[in-house]
C-alpha atoms as a PDB file:
ATOM      1  CA  MET A   1     -52.429 110.379-197.977  1.00  0.00           C
ATOM      2  CA  ARG A   2     -52.262 107.100-196.123  1.00  0.00           C
ATOM      3  CA  CYS A   3     -49.580 106.233-193.590  1.00  0.00           C
ATOM      4  CA  VAL A   4     -48.103 102.842-194.330  1.00  0.00           C
ATOM      5  CA  THR A   5     -46.713 100.912-191.338  1.00  0.00           C
ATOM      6  CA  ILE A   6     -43.860  98.536-192.091  1.00  0.00           C
ATOM      7  CA  SER A   7     -44.043  95.476-189.976  1.00  0.00           C
ATOM      8  CA  ARG A   8     -40.752  93.901-188.975  1.00  0.00           C
ATOM      9  CA  PRO A   9     -40.261  90.328-187.781  1.00  0.00           C
ATOM     10  CA  ALA A  10     -39.366  90.023-184.013  1.00  0.00           C
ATOM     11  CA  GLY A  11     -36.057  88.507-184.954  1.00  0.00           C
ATOM     12  CA  VAL A  12     -34.944  91.817-186.370  1.00  0.00           C
ATOM     13  CA  PHE A  13     -35.606  93.547-183.014  1.00  0.00           C
ATOM     14  CA  PHE A  14     -33.911  90.785-181.136  1.00  0.00           C
ATOM     15  CA  ALA A  15     -30.781  91.054-183.384  1.00  0.00           C
ATOM     16  CA  VAL A  16     -30.668  94.732-182.771  1.00  0.00           C
ATOM     17  CA  ALA A  17     -30.981  94.197-178.998  1.00  0.00           C
ATOM     18  CA  ILE A  18     -27.948  91.780-179.138  1.00  0.00           C
ATOM     19  CA  PHE A  19     -25.984  94.360-181.102  1.00  0.00           C
ATOM     20  CA  SER A  20     -26.899  97.030-178.670  1.00  0.00           C
ATOM     21  CA  GLY A  21     -25.892  94.911-175.723  1.00  0.00           C
ATOM     22  CA  LEU A  22     -22.549  94.048-177.311  1.00  0.00           C
ATOM     23  CA  ILE A  23     -21.697  97.626-178.206  1.00  0.00           C
ATOM     24  CA  SER A  24     -22.711  98.781-174.689  1.00  0.00           C
ATOM     25  CA  ALA A  25     -20.481  96.098-173.231  1.00  0.00           C
ATOM     26  CA  LEU A  26     -17.548  97.230-175.430  1.00  0.00           C
ATOM     27  CA  SER A  27     -17.634 100.613-173.730  1.00  0.00           C
ATOM     28  CA  PHE A  28     -16.823  98.930-170.478  1.00  0.00           C
ATOM     29  CA  ASP A  29     -14.021  96.845-171.851  1.00  0.00           C
ATOM     30  CA  PHE A  30     -10.309  97.874-171.602  1.00  0.00           C
ATOM     31  CA  SER A  31      -9.808  97.748-175.312  1.00  0.00           C
ATOM     32  CA  GLY A  32     -10.435 101.511-175.706  1.00  0.00           C
ATOM     33  CA  GLY A  33     -13.980 101.335-176.873  1.00  0.00           C
ATOM     34  CA  TRP A  34     -15.259 103.998-174.365  1.00  0.00           C
ATOM     35  CA  PHE A  35     -16.767 106.072-177.302  1.00  0.00           C
ATOM     36  CA  PHE A  36     -19.373 103.343-177.850  1.00  0.00           C
ATOM     37  CA  VAL A  37     -21.197 104.480-174.799  1.00  0.00           C
ATOM     38  CA  TRP A  38     -22.332 107.695-176.519  1.00  0.00           C
ATOM     39  CA  PHE A  39     -24.655 105.812-179.022  1.00  0.00           C
ATOM     40  CA  SER A  40     -24.936 102.270-177.649  1.00  0.00           C
ATOM     41  CA  LEU A  41     -28.420 102.784-176.206  1.00  0.00           C
ATOM     42  CA  VAL A  42     -29.949 104.265-179.454  1.00  0.00           C
ATOM     43  CA  PRO A  43     -30.796 100.828-180.898  1.00  0.00           C
ATOM     44  CA  LEU A  44     -32.436  99.765-177.586  1.00  0.00           C
ATOM     45  CA  LEU A  45     -34.542 103.035-177.533  1.00  0.00           C
ATOM     46  CA  TRP A  46     -35.436 102.417-181.207  1.00  0.00           C
ATOM     47  CA  ILE A  47     -36.708  98.937-180.188  1.00  0.00           C
ATOM     48  CA  ILE A  48     -38.677 100.385-177.201  1.00  0.00           C
ATOM     49  CA  ASP A  49     -40.276 103.047-179.345  1.00  0.00           C
ATOM     50  CA  THR A  50     -41.205 101.066-182.469  1.00  0.00           C
ATOM     51  CA  ALA A  51     -41.726  97.501-181.511  1.00  0.00           C
ATOM     52  CA  PRO A  52     -44.914  96.095-179.960  1.00  0.00           C
ATOM     53  CA  PHE A  53     -44.723  95.922-176.220  1.00  0.00           C
ATOM     54  CA  LYS A  54     -44.114  92.249-175.825  1.00  0.00           C
ATOM     55  CA  VAL A  55     -41.350  92.292-178.472  1.00  0.00           C
ATOM     56  CA  SER A  56     -39.753  95.361-176.961  1.00  0.00           C
ATOM     57  CA  PHE A  57     -39.905  93.873-173.429  1.00  0.00           C
ATOM     58  CA  VAL A  58     -38.205  90.640-174.617  1.00  0.00           C
ATOM     59  CA  GLY A  59     -35.678  92.699-176.692  1.00  0.00           C
ATOM     60  CA  SER A  60     -34.892  94.677-173.506  1.00  0.00           C
ATOM     61  CA  LEU A  61     -34.442  91.474-171.574  1.00  0.00           C
ATOM     62  CA  ILE A  62     -32.097  90.168-174.338  1.00  0.00           C
ATOM     63  CA  PHE A  63     -30.142  93.443-174.145  1.00  0.00           C
ATOM     64  CA  GLY A  64     -29.754  93.220-170.385  1.00  0.00           C
ATOM     65  CA  PHE A  65     -28.680  89.629-170.564  1.00  0.00           C
ATOM     66  CA  VAL A  66     -26.120  90.148-173.293  1.00  0.00           C
ATOM     67  CA  PHE A  67     -24.798  93.288-171.696  1.00  0.00           C
ATOM     68  CA  HIS A  68     -24.341  91.791-168.235  1.00  0.00           C
ATOM     69  CA  VAL A  69     -22.952  88.519-169.416  1.00  0.00           C
ATOM     70  CA  ALA A  70     -20.335  90.325-171.498  1.00  0.00           C
ATOM     71  CA  VAL A  71     -19.383  92.786-168.740  1.00  0.00           C
ATOM     72  CA  ILE A  72     -19.327  90.516-165.715  1.00  0.00           C
ATOM     73  CA  PHE A  73     -18.433  87.128-167.270  1.00  0.00           C
ATOM     74  CA  TRP A  74     -15.742  86.701-164.727  1.00  0.00           C
ATOM     75  CA  VAL A  75     -18.206  85.918-161.909  1.00  0.00           C
ATOM     76  CA  THR A  76     -18.543  82.443-163.577  1.00  0.00           C
ATOM     77  CA  ARG A  77     -15.058  81.606-162.401  1.00  0.00           C
ATOM     78  CA  VAL A  78     -16.222  82.055-158.816  1.00  0.00           C
ATOM     79  CA  THR A  79     -19.652  80.423-158.851  1.00  0.00           C
ATOM     80  CA  VAL A  80     -21.619  79.179-161.910  1.00  0.00           C
ATOM     81  CA  PRO A  81     -24.997  78.878-160.171  1.00  0.00           C
ATOM     82  CA  GLY A  82     -24.504  82.289-158.513  1.00  0.00           C
ATOM     83  CA  ALA A  83     -23.639  83.871-161.825  1.00  0.00           C
ATOM     84  CA  ILE A  84     -26.773  82.520-163.462  1.00  0.00           C
ATOM     85  CA  VAL A  85     -28.924  83.952-160.763  1.00  0.00           C
ATOM     86  CA  LEU A  86     -27.032  87.233-160.937  1.00  0.00           C
ATOM     87  CA  PHE A  87     -27.353  87.438-164.759  1.00  0.00           C
ATOM     88  CA  ILE A  88     -31.150  86.727-164.530  1.00  0.00           C
ATOM     89  CA  TYR A  89     -31.551  89.300-161.645  1.00  0.00           C
ATOM     90  CA  LEU A  90     -29.689  92.037-163.599  1.00  0.00           C
ATOM     91  CA  THR A  91     -31.582  91.173-166.796  1.00  0.00           C
ATOM     92  CA  LEU A  92     -34.792  92.161-165.147  1.00  0.00           C
ATOM     93  CA  TYR A  93     -33.548  95.785-165.018  1.00  0.00           C
ATOM     94  CA  GLY A  94     -33.524  95.829-168.857  1.00  0.00           C
ATOM     95  CA  GLY A  95     -37.200  94.810-168.805  1.00  0.00           C
ATOM     96  CA  LEU A  96     -38.022  97.504-166.224  1.00  0.00           C
ATOM     97  CA  PHE A  97     -36.348 100.065-168.347  1.00  0.00           C
ATOM     98  CA  CYS A  98     -38.478  98.933-171.263  1.00  0.00           C
ATOM     99  CA  ILE A  99     -41.601  99.562-169.210  1.00  0.00           C
ATOM    100  CA  LEU A 100     -40.367 102.995-167.906  1.00  0.00           C
ATOM    101  CA  GLY A 101     -38.893 104.009-171.275  1.00  0.00           C
ATOM    102  CA  ARG A 102     -42.048 103.117-173.158  1.00  0.00           C
ATOM    103  CA  TYR A 103     -44.116 105.155-170.788  1.00  0.00           C
ATOM    104  CA  PHE A 104     -41.839 108.202-170.796  1.00  0.00           C
ATOM    105  CA  LEU A 105     -41.001 108.255-174.455  1.00  0.00           C
ATOM    106  CA  LYS A 106     -44.715 109.234-175.297  1.00  0.00           C
ATOM    107  CA  ARG A 107     -44.653 112.073-172.733  1.00  0.00           C
ATOM    108  CA  PRO A 108     -43.387 115.559-172.844  1.00  0.00           C
ATOM    109  CA  PHE A 109     -39.822 116.045-171.514  1.00  0.00           C
ATOM    110  CA  ALA A 110     -38.799 112.545-172.769  1.00  0.00           C
ATOM    111  CA  LEU A 111     -35.337 113.861-173.281  1.00  0.00           C
ATOM    112  CA  VAL A 112     -34.927 114.372-169.510  1.00  0.00           C
ATOM    113  CA  THR A 113     -37.216 111.580-168.124  1.00  0.00           C
ATOM    114  CA  VAL A 114     -35.832 108.621-170.105  1.00  0.00           C
ATOM    115  CA  PRO A 115     -32.230 109.216-169.101  1.00  0.00           C
ATOM    116  CA  ALA A 116     -33.343 109.876-165.544  1.00  0.00           C
ATOM    117  CA  ALA A 117     -35.113 106.452-165.561  1.00  0.00           C
ATOM    118  CA  TRP A 118     -31.929 104.827-166.803  1.00  0.00           C
ATOM    119  CA  VAL A 119     -29.899 106.528-164.042  1.00  0.00           C
ATOM    120  CA  LEU A 120     -32.517 105.533-161.407  1.00  0.00           C
ATOM    121  CA  LEU A 121     -32.301 101.965-162.443  1.00  0.00           C
ATOM    122  CA  GLU A 122     -28.506 102.016-162.369  1.00  0.00           C
ATOM    123  CA  PHE A 123     -28.737 103.416-158.791  1.00  0.00           C
ATOM    124  CA  LEU A 124     -31.173 100.688-157.814  1.00  0.00           C
ATOM    125  CA  GLN A 125     -28.906  98.070-159.408  1.00  0.00           C
ATOM    126  CA  GLU A 126     -25.999  99.238-157.396  1.00  0.00           C
ATOM    127  CA  ASN A 127     -27.749  99.639-154.046  1.00  0.00           C
ATOM    128  CA  ILE A 128     -30.112  96.685-153.916  1.00  0.00           C
END
């Protein structure tokens, strides 16, 4: 029996990354969408696990950009150039999570190491 791999265009992964970033941002909003946090990263993990590396890396960057723009949009009222630099800087953490997540998803104890990688990156985001 042969295993058939279904190839998806990169646009599908990018659309899923945008969706994941938006539902992650909804969990930070005051509209009562806190429950989105429980499954908002599942689409991102699907991208990291199934897409080719370059596509998953760009998808993770898109996720990070959409998420951070939606959550800290108010910074643009203070300084637009500073906000652009901040968004780009914070977006890089999404790409770094792609690299770490892709490495740990193929290893034993992925259920522990992938969330630990996310928490480590959140800690670094806050303290650097």
